[in-house]
Protein backbone atom coordinates (compact mmCIF):
# COMPACT_ATOMS: atom_id res chain seq x y z
CA UNK A 1 0.00 0.00 0.00
CA UNK A 2 2.86 2.35 0.76
CA UNK A 3 4.21 1.90 -2.78
CA UNK A 4 0.93 3.06 -4.29
CA UNK A 5 0.85 6.10 -2.05
CA UNK A 6 4.42 7.11 -2.87
CA UNK A 7 3.74 6.64 -6.61
CA UNK A 8 0.63 8.81 -6.38
CA UNK A 9 2.46 11.41 -4.31
CA UNK A 10 5.35 11.51 -6.81
CA UNK A 11 2.87 11.88 -9.68
CA UNK A 12 1.06 14.78 -7.97
CA UNK A 13 4.35 16.53 -7.19
CA UNK A 14 5.43 16.16 -10.82
CA UNK A 15 2.14 17.57 -12.12
CA UNK A 16 2.20 20.42 -9.58
CA UNK A 17 5.76 21.29 -10.59
CA UNK A 18 4.76 21.35 -14.25
CA UNK A 19 1.87 23.70 -13.49
CA UNK A 20 4.18 26.13 -11.70
CA UNK A 21 6.53 26.30 -14.69
CA UNK A 22 3.83 26.36 -17.40
CA UNK A 23 1.09 28.95 -16.76
CA UNK A 24 -0.99 27.65 -19.69
CA UNK A 25 -1.15 24.20 -18.10
CA UNK A 26 -2.14 25.76 -14.78
CA UNK A 27 -5.02 27.58 -16.45
CA UNK A 28 -6.15 24.34 -18.11
CA UNK A 29 -6.00 22.54 -14.75
CA UNK A 30 -8.07 25.30 -13.10
CA UNK A 31 -10.64 25.20 -15.91
CA UNK A 32 -10.82 21.41 -15.68
CA UNK A 33 -11.30 21.61 -11.90
CA UNK A 34 -14.12 24.16 -12.24
CA UNK A 35 -15.80 22.09 -14.96
CA UNK A 36 -15.56 18.95 -12.84
CA UNK A 37 -17.11 20.68 -9.83
CA UNK A 38 -19.92 22.10 -11.98
CA UNK A 39 -20.64 18.66 -13.41
CA UNK A 40 -20.54 17.13 -9.92
CA UNK A 41 -23.06 19.66 -8.61
CA UNK A 42 -25.37 19.15 -11.60
CA UNK A 43 -26.65 15.76 -10.41
CA UNK A 44 -30.37 15.84 -9.80
CA UNK A 45 -32.98 13.77 -8.05
CA UNK A 46 -31.98 10.54 -6.37
CA UNK A 47 -28.30 10.95 -7.24
CA UNK A 48 -28.05 14.16 -5.19
CA UNK A 49 -28.13 12.03 -2.04
CA UNK A 50 -24.99 10.28 -3.25
CA UNK A 51 -23.14 13.23 -4.78
CA UNK A 52 -23.29 15.72 -1.89
CA UNK A 53 -21.19 18.75 -2.69
CA UNK A 54 -21.10 19.95 0.90
CA UNK A 55 -19.34 16.75 2.00
CA UNK A 56 -16.76 16.99 -0.75
CA UNK A 57 -13.31 18.29 0.22
CA UNK A 58 -12.58 20.60 -2.72
CA UNK A 59 -8.98 21.09 -1.64
CA UNK A 60 -8.34 17.37 -2.14
CA UNK A 61 -10.10 17.44 -5.50
CA UNK A 62 -7.94 20.41 -6.55
CA UNK A 63 -4.83 18.48 -5.55
CA UNK A 64 -5.91 15.62 -7.81
CA UNK A 65 -5.80 18.12 -10.69
CA UNK A 66 -2.23 19.02 -9.71
CA UNK A 67 -3.25 22.34 -8.18
CA UNK A 68 -1.56 23.32 -4.94
CA UNK A 69 -4.60 25.19 -3.69
CA UNK A 70 -8.27 25.24 -4.51
CA UNK A 71 -9.02 27.89 -7.10
CA UNK A 72 -12.00 30.09 -6.53
CA UNK A 73 -14.62 28.32 -8.53
CA UNK A 74 -16.60 30.18 -11.10
CA UNK A 75 -16.72 33.08 -8.72
CA UNK A 76 -20.05 34.51 -7.74
CA UNK A 77 -21.92 32.44 -10.28
CA UNK A 78 -21.11 29.21 -8.43
CA UNK A 79 -21.94 30.72 -5.04
CA UNK A 80 -25.23 32.06 -6.41
CA UNK A 81 -26.10 28.62 -7.80
CA UNK A 82 -25.52 27.02 -4.41
CA UNK A 83 -27.61 29.66 -2.64
CA UNK A 84 -30.40 29.25 -5.19
CA UNK A 85 -30.43 25.49 -4.72
CA UNK A 86 -30.51 25.86 -0.93
CA UNK A 87 -33.38 28.33 -1.21
CA UNK A 88 -35.31 26.03 -3.56
CA UNK A 89 -34.69 23.09 -1.25
CA UNK A 90 -35.99 25.06 1.75
CA UNK A 91 -39.07 26.13 -0.21
CA UNK A 92 -39.76 22.53 -1.26
CA UNK A 93 -39.46 21.35 2.33
CA UNK A 94 -41.70 24.10 3.73
CA UNK A 95 -44.30 23.34 1.03
CA UNK A 96 -44.24 19.66 1.96
CA UNK A 97 -44.57 20.49 5.66
CA UNK A 98 -47.57 22.76 5.01
CA UNK A 99 -49.17 20.12 2.84
CA UNK A 100 -48.64 17.46 5.52
CA UNK A 101 -50.07 19.78 8.22
CA UNK A 102 -53.27 20.27 6.21
CA UNK A 103 -53.88 16.50 6.03
PDB file of N, CA and C in Angstrom:
ATOM      1  N   UNK A   1       0.816  -1.192   0.000  1.00  0.00           N
ATOM      2  CA  UNK A   1       0.000   0.000   0.000  1.00  0.00           C
ATOM      3  C   UNK A   1       0.866   1.264   0.000  1.00  0.00           C
ATOM      4  N   UNK A   2       1.978   1.192   0.690  1.00  0.00           N
ATOM      5  CA  UNK A   2       2.863   2.347   0.761  1.00  0.00           C
ATOM      6  C   UNK A   2       3.417   2.694  -0.618  1.00  0.00           C
ATOM      7  N   UNK A   3       3.696   1.669  -1.435  1.00  0.00           N
ATOM      8  CA  UNK A   3       4.212   1.903  -2.777  1.00  0.00           C
ATOM      9  C   UNK A   3       3.240   2.673  -3.643  1.00  0.00           C
ATOM     10  N   UNK A   4       1.954   2.350  -3.517  1.00  0.00           N
ATOM     11  CA  UNK A   4       0.935   3.057  -4.294  1.00  0.00           C
ATOM     12  C   UNK A   4       0.852   4.513  -3.871  1.00  0.00           C
ATOM     13  N   UNK A   5       0.928   4.735  -2.553  1.00  0.00           N
ATOM     14  CA  UNK A   5       0.850   6.104  -2.050  1.00  0.00           C
ATOM     15  C   UNK A   5       2.039   6.921  -2.528  1.00  0.00           C
ATOM     16  N   UNK A   6       3.234   6.348  -2.458  1.00  0.00           N
ATOM     17  CA  UNK A   6       4.417   7.113  -2.870  1.00  0.00           C
ATOM     18  C   UNK A   6       4.391   7.375  -4.380  1.00  0.00           C
ATOM     19  N   UNK A   7       3.864   6.420  -5.161  1.00  0.00           N
ATOM     20  CA  UNK A   7       3.743   6.642  -6.609  1.00  0.00           C
ATOM     21  C   UNK A   7       2.774   7.765  -6.901  1.00  0.00           C
ATOM     22  N   UNK A   8       1.642   7.761  -6.200  1.00  0.00           N
ATOM     23  CA  UNK A   8       0.629   8.806  -6.378  1.00  0.00           C
ATOM     24  C   UNK A   8       1.210  10.156  -5.971  1.00  0.00           C
ATOM     25  N   UNK A   9       1.891  10.170  -4.827  1.00  0.00           N
ATOM     26  CA  UNK A   9       2.461  11.406  -4.312  1.00  0.00           C
ATOM     27  C   UNK A   9       3.502  11.957  -5.286  1.00  0.00           C
ATOM     28  N   UNK A  10       4.335  11.099  -5.829  1.00  0.00           N
ATOM     29  CA  UNK A  10       5.349  11.512  -6.809  1.00  0.00           C
ATOM     30  C   UNK A  10       4.681  12.080  -8.061  1.00  0.00           C
ATOM     31  N   UNK A  11       3.613  11.411  -8.505  1.00  0.00           N
ATOM     32  CA  UNK A  11       2.873  11.877  -9.681  1.00  0.00           C
ATOM     33  C   UNK A  11       2.294  13.278  -9.442  1.00  0.00           C
ATOM     34  N   UNK A  12       1.664  13.476  -8.292  1.00  0.00           N
ATOM     35  CA  UNK A  12       1.055  14.775  -7.967  1.00  0.00           C
ATOM     36  C   UNK A  12       2.138  15.859  -7.892  1.00  0.00           C
ATOM     37  N   UNK A  13       3.257  15.547  -7.271  1.00  0.00           N
ATOM     38  CA  UNK A  13       4.350  16.531  -7.194  1.00  0.00           C
ATOM     39  C   UNK A  13       4.870  16.889  -8.583  1.00  0.00           C
ATOM     40  N   UNK A  14       4.964  15.908  -9.457  1.00  0.00           N
ATOM     41  CA  UNK A  14       5.428  16.159 -10.822  1.00  0.00           C
ATOM     42  C   UNK A  14       4.460  17.066 -11.561  1.00  0.00           C
ATOM     43  N   UNK A  15       3.165  16.746 -11.457  1.00  0.00           N
ATOM     44  CA  UNK A  15       2.140  17.565 -12.120  1.00  0.00           C
ATOM     45  C   UNK A  15       2.147  18.980 -11.547  1.00  0.00           C
ATOM     46  N   UNK A  16       2.195  19.090 -10.215  1.00  0.00           N
ATOM     47  CA  UNK A  16       2.201  20.418  -9.578  1.00  0.00           C
ATOM     48  C   UNK A  16       3.395  21.233 -10.037  1.00  0.00           C
ATOM     49  N   UNK A  17       4.557  20.602 -10.120  1.00  0.00           N
ATOM     50  CA  UNK A  17       5.762  21.293 -10.588  1.00  0.00           C
ATOM     51  C   UNK A  17       5.608  21.783 -12.016  1.00  0.00           C
ATOM     52  N   UNK A  18       4.990  20.967 -12.853  1.00  0.00           N
ATOM     53  CA  UNK A  18       4.761  21.350 -14.249  1.00  0.00           C
ATOM     54  C   UNK A  18       3.842  22.565 -14.317  1.00  0.00           C
ATOM     55  N   UNK A  19       2.825  22.582 -13.471  1.00  0.00           N
ATOM     56  CA  UNK A  19       1.869  23.697 -13.490  1.00  0.00           C
ATOM     57  C   UNK A  19       2.507  25.001 -13.049  1.00  0.00           C
ATOM     58  N   UNK A  20       3.488  24.917 -12.147  1.00  0.00           N
ATOM     59  CA  UNK A  20       4.179  26.128 -11.696  1.00  0.00           C
ATOM     60  C   UNK A  20       4.995  26.719 -12.843  1.00  0.00           C
ATOM     61  N   UNK A  21       5.641  25.857 -13.608  1.00  0.00           N
ATOM     62  CA  UNK A  21       6.528  26.301 -14.689  1.00  0.00           C
ATOM     63  C   UNK A  21       5.750  26.728 -15.934  1.00  0.00           C
ATOM     64  N   UNK A  22       4.591  26.091 -16.178  1.00  0.00           N
ATOM     65  CA  UNK A  22       3.832  26.365 -17.396  1.00  0.00           C
ATOM     66  C   UNK A  22       2.458  26.964 -17.057  1.00  0.00           C
ATOM     67  N   UNK A  23       2.338  28.292 -17.111  1.00  0.00           N
ATOM     68  CA  UNK A  23       1.086  28.950 -16.762  1.00  0.00           C
ATOM     69  C   UNK A  23      -0.116  28.484 -17.590  1.00  0.00           C
ATOM     70  N   UNK A  24       0.115  28.126 -18.855  1.00  0.00           N
ATOM     71  CA  UNK A  24      -0.994  27.653 -19.690  1.00  0.00           C
ATOM     72  C   UNK A  24      -1.569  26.351 -19.130  1.00  0.00           C
ATOM     73  N   UNK A  25      -0.697  25.475 -18.675  1.00  0.00           N
ATOM     74  CA  UNK A  25      -1.145  24.204 -18.095  1.00  0.00           C
ATOM     75  C   UNK A  25      -1.909  24.450 -16.792  1.00  0.00           C
ATOM     76  N   UNK A  26      -1.458  25.440 -16.031  1.00  0.00           N
ATOM     77  CA  UNK A  26      -2.143  25.758 -14.778  1.00  0.00           C
ATOM     78  C   UNK A  26      -3.555  26.258 -15.066  1.00  0.00           C
ATOM     79  N   UNK A  27      -3.697  27.086 -16.080  1.00  0.00           N
ATOM     80  CA  UNK A  27      -5.024  27.582 -16.451  1.00  0.00           C
ATOM     81  C   UNK A  27      -5.924  26.427 -16.885  1.00  0.00           C
ATOM     82  N   UNK A  28      -5.372  25.508 -17.678  1.00  0.00           N
ATOM     83  CA  UNK A  28      -6.146  24.341 -18.107  1.00  0.00           C
ATOM     84  C   UNK A  28      -6.573  23.492 -16.911  1.00  0.00           C
ATOM     85  N   UNK A  29      -5.675  23.324 -15.950  1.00  0.00           N
ATOM     86  CA  UNK A  29      -6.002  22.542 -14.754  1.00  0.00           C
ATOM     87  C   UNK A  29      -7.106  23.228 -13.944  1.00  0.00           C
ATOM     88  N   UNK A  30      -7.027  24.556 -13.821  1.00  0.00           N
ATOM     89  CA  UNK A  30      -8.070  25.299 -13.098  1.00  0.00           C
ATOM     90  C   UNK A  30      -9.420  25.179 -13.814  1.00  0.00           C
ATOM     91  N   UNK A  31      -9.397  25.322 -15.132  1.00  0.00           N
ATOM     92  CA  UNK A  31     -10.636  25.198 -15.910  1.00  0.00           C
ATOM     93  C   UNK A  31     -11.225  23.797 -15.779  1.00  0.00           C
ATOM     94  N   UNK A  32     -10.353  22.794 -15.815  1.00  0.00           N
ATOM     95  CA  UNK A  32     -10.816  21.413 -15.677  1.00  0.00           C
ATOM     96  C   UNK A  32     -11.422  21.188 -14.296  1.00  0.00           C
ATOM     97  N   UNK A  33     -10.785  21.732 -13.277  1.00  0.00           N
ATOM     98  CA  UNK A  33     -11.299  21.613 -11.904  1.00  0.00           C
ATOM     99  C   UNK A  33     -12.689  22.246 -11.803  1.00  0.00           C
ATOM    100  N   UNK A  34     -12.826  23.463 -12.313  1.00  0.00           N
ATOM    101  CA  UNK A  34     -14.119  24.156 -12.244  1.00  0.00           C
ATOM    102  C   UNK A  34     -15.197  23.392 -13.017  1.00  0.00           C
ATOM    103  N   UNK A  35     -14.847  22.869 -14.168  1.00  0.00           N
ATOM    104  CA  UNK A  35     -15.804  22.087 -14.962  1.00  0.00           C
ATOM    105  C   UNK A  35     -16.218  20.825 -14.220  1.00  0.00           C
ATOM    106  N   UNK A  36     -15.260  20.170 -13.590  1.00  0.00           N
ATOM    107  CA  UNK A  36     -15.557  18.952 -12.842  1.00  0.00           C
ATOM    108  C   UNK A  36     -16.514  19.245 -11.695  1.00  0.00           C
ATOM    109  N   UNK A  37     -16.245  20.329 -10.961  1.00  0.00           N
ATOM    110  CA  UNK A  37     -17.109  20.679  -9.831  1.00  0.00           C
ATOM    111  C   UNK A  37     -18.507  21.031 -10.326  1.00  0.00           C
ATOM    112  N   UNK A  38     -18.608  21.778 -11.419  1.00  0.00           N
ATOM    113  CA  UNK A  38     -19.918  22.105 -11.977  1.00  0.00           C
ATOM    114  C   UNK A  38     -20.682  20.847 -12.378  1.00  0.00           C
ATOM    115  N   UNK A  39     -19.993  19.909 -13.000  1.00  0.00           N
ATOM    116  CA  UNK A  39     -20.635  18.659 -13.410  1.00  0.00           C
ATOM    117  C   UNK A  39     -21.066  17.858 -12.178  1.00  0.00           C
ATOM    118  N   UNK A  40     -20.234  17.866 -11.147  1.00  0.00           N
ATOM    119  CA  UNK A  40     -20.540  17.129  -9.919  1.00  0.00           C
ATOM    120  C   UNK A  40     -21.792  17.702  -9.248  1.00  0.00           C
ATOM    121  N   UNK A  41     -21.918  19.017  -9.264  1.00  0.00           N
ATOM    122  CA  UNK A  41     -23.065  19.656  -8.610  1.00  0.00           C
ATOM    123  C   UNK A  41     -24.333  19.561  -9.445  1.00  0.00           C
ATOM    124  N   UNK A  42     -24.210  19.173 -10.697  1.00  0.00           N
ATOM    125  CA  UNK A  42     -25.370  19.155 -11.595  1.00  0.00           C
ATOM    126  C   UNK A  42     -26.244  17.915 -11.425  1.00  0.00           C
ATOM    127  N   UNK A  43     -25.838  16.964 -10.600  1.00  0.00           N
ATOM    128  CA  UNK A  43     -26.649  15.761 -10.409  1.00  0.00           C
ATOM    129  C   UNK A  43     -27.989  16.136  -9.783  1.00  0.00           C
ATOM    130  N   UNK A  44     -29.019  15.526 -10.259  1.00  0.00           N
ATOM    131  CA  UNK A  44     -30.375  15.837  -9.796  1.00  0.00           C
ATOM    132  C   UNK A  44     -31.024  14.600  -9.186  1.00  0.00           C
ATOM    133  N   UNK A  45     -32.125  14.842  -8.537  1.00  0.00           N
ATOM    134  CA  UNK A  45     -32.980  13.767  -8.046  1.00  0.00           C
ATOM    135  C   UNK A  45     -32.299  12.843  -7.060  1.00  0.00           C
ATOM    136  N   UNK A  46     -32.479  11.566  -7.280  1.00  0.00           N
ATOM    137  CA  UNK A  46     -31.980  10.544  -6.368  1.00  0.00           C
ATOM    138  C   UNK A  46     -30.459  10.568  -6.225  1.00  0.00           C
ATOM    139  N   UNK A  47     -29.761  10.938  -7.291  1.00  0.00           N
ATOM    140  CA  UNK A  47     -28.302  10.947  -7.242  1.00  0.00           C
ATOM    141  C   UNK A  47     -27.749  12.023  -6.321  1.00  0.00           C
ATOM    142  N   UNK A  48     -28.523  13.069  -6.055  1.00  0.00           N
ATOM    143  CA  UNK A  48     -28.052  14.159  -5.191  1.00  0.00           C
ATOM    144  C   UNK A  48     -27.719  13.652  -3.789  1.00  0.00           C
ATOM    145  N   UNK A  49     -28.407  12.596  -3.366  1.00  0.00           N
ATOM    146  CA  UNK A  49     -28.128  12.033  -2.038  1.00  0.00           C
ATOM    147  C   UNK A  49     -26.758  11.362  -2.011  1.00  0.00           C
ATOM    148  N   UNK A  50     -26.297  10.937  -3.156  1.00  0.00           N
ATOM    149  CA  UNK A  50     -24.995  10.277  -3.247  1.00  0.00           C
ATOM    150  C   UNK A  50     -23.893  11.307  -3.484  1.00  0.00           C
ATOM    151  N   UNK A  51     -24.135  12.229  -4.408  1.00  0.00           N
ATOM    152  CA  UNK A  51     -23.142  13.233  -4.780  1.00  0.00           C
ATOM    153  C   UNK A  51     -23.395  14.525  -4.017  1.00  0.00           C
ATOM    154  N   UNK A  52     -23.040  14.547  -2.730  1.00  0.00           N
ATOM    155  CA  UNK A  52     -23.288  15.716  -1.892  1.00  0.00           C
ATOM    156  C   UNK A  52     -22.078  16.648  -1.930  1.00  0.00           C
ATOM    157  N   UNK A  53     -22.279  17.792  -2.518  1.00  0.00           N
ATOM    158  CA  UNK A  53     -21.188  18.752  -2.693  1.00  0.00           C
ATOM    159  C   UNK A  53     -20.656  19.235  -1.353  1.00  0.00           C
ATOM    160  N   UNK A  54     -21.529  19.425  -0.393  1.00  0.00           N
ATOM    161  CA  UNK A  54     -21.096  19.948   0.902  1.00  0.00           C
ATOM    162  C   UNK A  54     -20.116  19.012   1.608  1.00  0.00           C
ATOM    163  N   UNK A  55     -20.218  17.716   1.333  1.00  0.00           N
ATOM    164  CA  UNK A  55     -19.342  16.752   1.998  1.00  0.00           C
ATOM    165  C   UNK A  55     -18.054  16.501   1.219  1.00  0.00           C
ATOM    166  N   UNK A  56     -17.920  17.169   0.110  1.00  0.00           N
ATOM    167  CA  UNK A  56     -16.755  16.988  -0.745  1.00  0.00           C
ATOM    168  C   UNK A  56     -15.655  17.944  -0.296  1.00  0.00           C
ATOM    169  N   UNK A  57     -14.443  17.444  -0.153  1.00  0.00           N
ATOM    170  CA  UNK A  57     -13.313  18.294   0.220  1.00  0.00           C
ATOM    171  C   UNK A  57     -12.674  18.805  -1.072  1.00  0.00           C
ATOM    172  N   UNK A  58     -13.025  20.040  -1.444  1.00  0.00           N
ATOM    173  CA  UNK A  58     -12.580  20.596  -2.722  1.00  0.00           C
ATOM    174  C   UNK A  58     -11.070  20.807  -2.789  1.00  0.00           C
ATOM    175  N   UNK A  59     -10.437  20.969  -1.646  1.00  0.00           N
ATOM    176  CA  UNK A  59      -8.977  21.088  -1.638  1.00  0.00           C
ATOM    177  C   UNK A  59      -8.319  19.800  -2.111  1.00  0.00           C
ATOM    178  N   UNK A  60      -8.878  18.656  -1.702  1.00  0.00           N
ATOM    179  CA  UNK A  60      -8.342  17.365  -2.140  1.00  0.00           C
ATOM    180  C   UNK A  60      -8.606  17.149  -3.628  1.00  0.00           C
ATOM    181  N   UNK A  61      -9.777  17.564  -4.071  1.00  0.00           N
ATOM    182  CA  UNK A  61     -10.098  17.441  -5.495  1.00  0.00           C
ATOM    183  C   UNK A  61      -9.129  18.295  -6.306  1.00  0.00           C
ATOM    184  N   UNK A  62      -8.873  19.524  -5.847  1.00  0.00           N
ATOM    185  CA  UNK A  62      -7.937  20.412  -6.546  1.00  0.00           C
ATOM    186  C   UNK A  62      -6.556  19.763  -6.631  1.00  0.00           C
ATOM    187  N   UNK A  63      -6.131  19.127  -5.556  1.00  0.00           N
ATOM    188  CA  UNK A  63      -4.825  18.483  -5.550  1.00  0.00           C
ATOM    189  C   UNK A  63      -4.765  17.366  -6.593  1.00  0.00           C
ATOM    190  N   UNK A  64      -5.898  16.681  -6.814  1.00  0.00           N
ATOM    191  CA  UNK A  64      -5.907  15.616  -7.813  1.00  0.00           C
ATOM    192  C   UNK A  64      -5.761  16.170  -9.233  1.00  0.00           C
ATOM    193  N   UNK A  65      -6.009  17.458  -9.407  1.00  0.00           N
ATOM    194  CA  UNK A  65      -5.801  18.117 -10.691  1.00  0.00           C
ATOM    195  C   UNK A  65      -4.397  18.733 -10.772  1.00  0.00           C
ATOM    196  N   UNK A  66      -3.597  18.496  -9.735  1.00  0.00           N
ATOM    197  CA  UNK A  66      -2.235  19.018  -9.714  1.00  0.00           C
ATOM    198  C   UNK A  66      -2.145  20.434  -9.185  1.00  0.00           C
ATOM    199  N   UNK A  67      -3.239  20.968  -8.692  1.00  0.00           N
ATOM    200  CA  UNK A  67      -3.247  22.339  -8.176  1.00  0.00           C
ATOM    201  C   UNK A  67      -2.817  22.324  -6.710  1.00  0.00           C
ATOM    202  N   UNK A  68      -2.047  23.278  -6.327  1.00  0.00           N
ATOM    203  CA  UNK A  68      -1.563  23.319  -4.939  1.00  0.00           C
ATOM    204  C   UNK A  68      -2.609  23.867  -3.985  1.00  0.00           C
ATOM    205  N   UNK A  69      -3.506  24.665  -4.522  1.00  0.00           N
ATOM    206  CA  UNK A  69      -4.598  25.191  -3.691  1.00  0.00           C
ATOM    207  C   UNK A  69      -5.866  25.224  -4.524  1.00  0.00           C
ATOM    208  N   UNK A  70      -6.971  25.232  -3.832  1.00  0.00           N
ATOM    209  CA  UNK A  70      -8.270  25.238  -4.510  1.00  0.00           C
ATOM    210  C   UNK A  70      -8.507  26.594  -5.161  1.00  0.00           C
ATOM    211  N   UNK A  71      -8.715  26.610  -6.464  1.00  0.00           N
ATOM    212  CA  UNK A  71      -9.021  27.895  -7.104  1.00  0.00           C
ATOM    213  C   UNK A  71     -10.423  28.345  -6.731  1.00  0.00           C
ATOM    214  N   UNK A  72     -10.636  29.646  -6.755  1.00  0.00           N
ATOM    215  CA  UNK A  72     -12.002  30.094  -6.532  1.00  0.00           C
ATOM    216  C   UNK A  72     -12.778  29.583  -7.721  1.00  0.00           C
ATOM    217  N   UNK A  73     -13.882  28.981  -7.462  1.00  0.00           N
ATOM    218  CA  UNK A  73     -14.624  28.316  -8.527  1.00  0.00           C
ATOM    219  C   UNK A  73     -15.044  29.324  -9.567  1.00  0.00           C
ATOM    220  N   UNK A  74     -16.200  29.285 -10.042  1.00  0.00           N
ATOM    221  CA  UNK A  74     -16.601  30.178 -11.097  1.00  0.00           C
ATOM    222  C   UNK A  74     -17.015  31.503 -10.490  1.00  0.00           C
ATOM    223  N   UNK A  75     -16.427  31.820  -9.384  1.00  0.00           N
ATOM    224  CA  UNK A  75     -16.722  33.082  -8.719  1.00  0.00           C
ATOM    225  C   UNK A  75     -18.122  33.137  -8.160  1.00  0.00           C
ATOM    226  N   UNK A  76     -18.726  34.279  -8.306  1.00  0.00           N
ATOM    227  CA  UNK A  76     -20.055  34.512  -7.744  1.00  0.00           C
ATOM    228  C   UNK A  76     -21.100  33.596  -8.355  1.00  0.00           C
ATOM    229  N   UNK A  77     -20.930  33.264  -9.598  1.00  0.00           N
ATOM    230  CA  UNK A  77     -21.920  32.442 -10.280  1.00  0.00           C
ATOM    231  C   UNK A  77     -22.111  31.110  -9.557  1.00  0.00           C
ATOM    232  N   UNK A  78     -21.018  30.481  -9.140  1.00  0.00           N
ATOM    233  CA  UNK A  78     -21.111  29.210  -8.432  1.00  0.00           C
ATOM    234  C   UNK A  78     -21.780  29.404  -7.073  1.00  0.00           C
ATOM    235  N   UNK A  79     -21.355  30.445  -6.355  1.00  0.00           N
ATOM    236  CA  UNK A  79     -21.943  30.720  -5.042  1.00  0.00           C
ATOM    237  C   UNK A  79     -23.432  31.008  -5.171  1.00  0.00           C
ATOM    238  N   UNK A  80     -23.810  31.752  -6.207  1.00  0.00           N
ATOM    239  CA  UNK A  80     -25.225  32.063  -6.409  1.00  0.00           C
ATOM    240  C   UNK A  80     -26.015  30.798  -6.722  1.00  0.00           C
ATOM    241  N   UNK A  81     -25.425  29.882  -7.495  1.00  0.00           N
ATOM    242  CA  UNK A  81     -26.096  28.619  -7.801  1.00  0.00           C
ATOM    243  C   UNK A  81     -26.350  27.828  -6.526  1.00  0.00           C
ATOM    244  N   UNK A  82     -25.344  27.756  -5.658  1.00  0.00           N
ATOM    245  CA  UNK A  82     -25.521  27.022  -4.406  1.00  0.00           C
ATOM    246  C   UNK A  82     -26.604  27.648  -3.541  1.00  0.00           C
ATOM    247  N   UNK A  83     -26.596  28.980  -3.436  1.00  0.00           N
ATOM    248  CA  UNK A  83     -27.612  29.659  -2.638  1.00  0.00           C
ATOM    249  C   UNK A  83     -29.002  29.427  -3.218  1.00  0.00           C
ATOM    250  N   UNK A  84     -29.118  29.466  -4.540  1.00  0.00           N
ATOM    251  CA  UNK A  84     -30.402  29.255  -5.190  1.00  0.00           C
ATOM    252  C   UNK A  84     -30.917  27.842  -4.900  1.00  0.00           C
ATOM    253  N   UNK A  85     -30.032  26.867  -4.995  1.00  0.00           N
ATOM    254  CA  UNK A  85     -30.435  25.489  -4.725  1.00  0.00           C
ATOM    255  C   UNK A  85     -30.866  25.305  -3.279  1.00  0.00           C
ATOM    256  N   UNK A  86     -30.138  25.941  -2.351  1.00  0.00           N
ATOM    257  CA  UNK A  86     -30.510  25.861  -0.935  1.00  0.00           C
ATOM    258  C   UNK A  86     -31.891  26.475  -0.726  1.00  0.00           C
ATOM    259  N   UNK A  87     -32.103  27.629  -1.343  1.00  0.00           N
ATOM    260  CA  UNK A  87     -33.377  28.332  -1.209  1.00  0.00           C
ATOM    261  C   UNK A  87     -34.506  27.479  -1.776  1.00  0.00           C
ATOM    262  N   UNK A  88     -34.286  26.886  -2.947  1.00  0.00           N
ATOM    263  CA  UNK A  88     -35.307  26.028  -3.559  1.00  0.00           C
ATOM    264  C   UNK A  88     -35.584  24.814  -2.690  1.00  0.00           C
ATOM    265  N   UNK A  89     -34.529  24.261  -2.104  1.00  0.00           N
ATOM    266  CA  UNK A  89     -34.687  23.093  -1.246  1.00  0.00           C
ATOM    267  C   UNK A  89     -35.525  23.452  -0.006  1.00  0.00           C
ATOM    268  N   UNK A  90     -35.223  24.621   0.583  1.00  0.00           N
ATOM    269  CA  UNK A  90     -35.992  25.064   1.749  1.00  0.00           C
ATOM    270  C   UNK A  90     -37.457  25.276   1.382  1.00  0.00           C
ATOM    271  N   UNK A  91     -37.691  25.881   0.217  1.00  0.00           N
ATOM    272  CA  UNK A  91     -39.069  26.133  -0.211  1.00  0.00           C
ATOM    273  C   UNK A  91     -39.809  24.819  -0.440  1.00  0.00           C
ATOM    274  N   UNK A  92     -39.153  23.849  -1.041  1.00  0.00           N
ATOM    275  CA  UNK A  92     -39.764  22.535  -1.258  1.00  0.00           C
ATOM    276  C   UNK A  92     -40.127  21.881   0.071  1.00  0.00           C
ATOM    277  N   UNK A  93     -39.204  21.955   1.019  1.00  0.00           N
ATOM    278  CA  UNK A  93     -39.459  21.347   2.327  1.00  0.00           C
ATOM    279  C   UNK A  93     -40.591  22.042   3.063  1.00  0.00           C
ATOM    280  N   UNK A  94     -40.630  23.382   3.025  1.00  0.00           N
ATOM    281  CA  UNK A  94     -41.696  24.097   3.727  1.00  0.00           C
ATOM    282  C   UNK A  94     -43.049  23.815   3.066  1.00  0.00           C
ATOM    283  N   UNK A  95     -43.061  23.672   1.732  1.00  0.00           N
ATOM    284  CA  UNK A  95     -44.299  23.344   1.027  1.00  0.00           C
ATOM    285  C   UNK A  95     -44.786  21.959   1.450  1.00  0.00           C
ATOM    286  N   UNK A  96     -43.870  21.011   1.542  1.00  0.00           N
ATOM    287  CA  UNK A  96     -44.239  19.657   1.963  1.00  0.00           C
ATOM    288  C   UNK A  96     -44.760  19.651   3.383  1.00  0.00           C
ATOM    289  N   UNK A  97     -44.130  20.426   4.264  1.00  0.00           N
ATOM    290  CA  UNK A  97     -44.575  20.489   5.662  1.00  0.00           C
ATOM    291  C   UNK A  97     -45.980  21.077   5.750  1.00  0.00           C
ATOM    292  N   UNK A  98     -46.241  22.155   4.989  1.00  0.00           N
ATOM    293  CA  UNK A  98     -47.573  22.762   5.008  1.00  0.00           C
ATOM    294  C   UNK A  98     -48.606  21.786   4.485  1.00  0.00           C
ATOM    295  N   UNK A  99     -48.243  21.073   3.436  1.00  0.00           N
ATOM    296  CA  UNK A  99     -49.167  20.122   2.844  1.00  0.00           C
ATOM    297  C   UNK A  99     -49.458  18.989   3.814  1.00  0.00           C
ATOM    298  N   UNK A 100     -48.452  18.540   4.544  1.00  0.00           N
ATOM    299  CA  UNK A 100     -48.640  17.459   5.515  1.00  0.00           C
ATOM    300  C   UNK A 100     -49.471  17.957   6.697  1.00  0.00           C
ATOM    301  N   UNK A 101     -49.314  19.220   7.085  1.00  0.00           N
ATOM    302  CA  UNK A 101     -50.065  19.783   8.222  1.00  0.00           C
ATOM    303  C   UNK A 101     -51.553  19.891   7.876  1.00  0.00           C
ATOM    304  N   UNK A 102     -51.869  20.139   6.624  1.00  0.00           N
ATOM    305  CA  UNK A 102     -53.270  20.274   6.211  1.00  0.00           C
ATOM    306  C   UNK A 102     -53.981  18.922   6.229  1.00  0.00           C
ATOM    307  N   UNK A 103     -53.250  17.842   6.068  1.00  0.00           N
ATOM    308  CA  UNK A 103     -53.882  16.502   6.027  1.00  0.00           C
ATOM    309  C   UNK A 103     -54.295  16.022   7.357  1.00  0.00           C
TER     310      UNK A 103
END
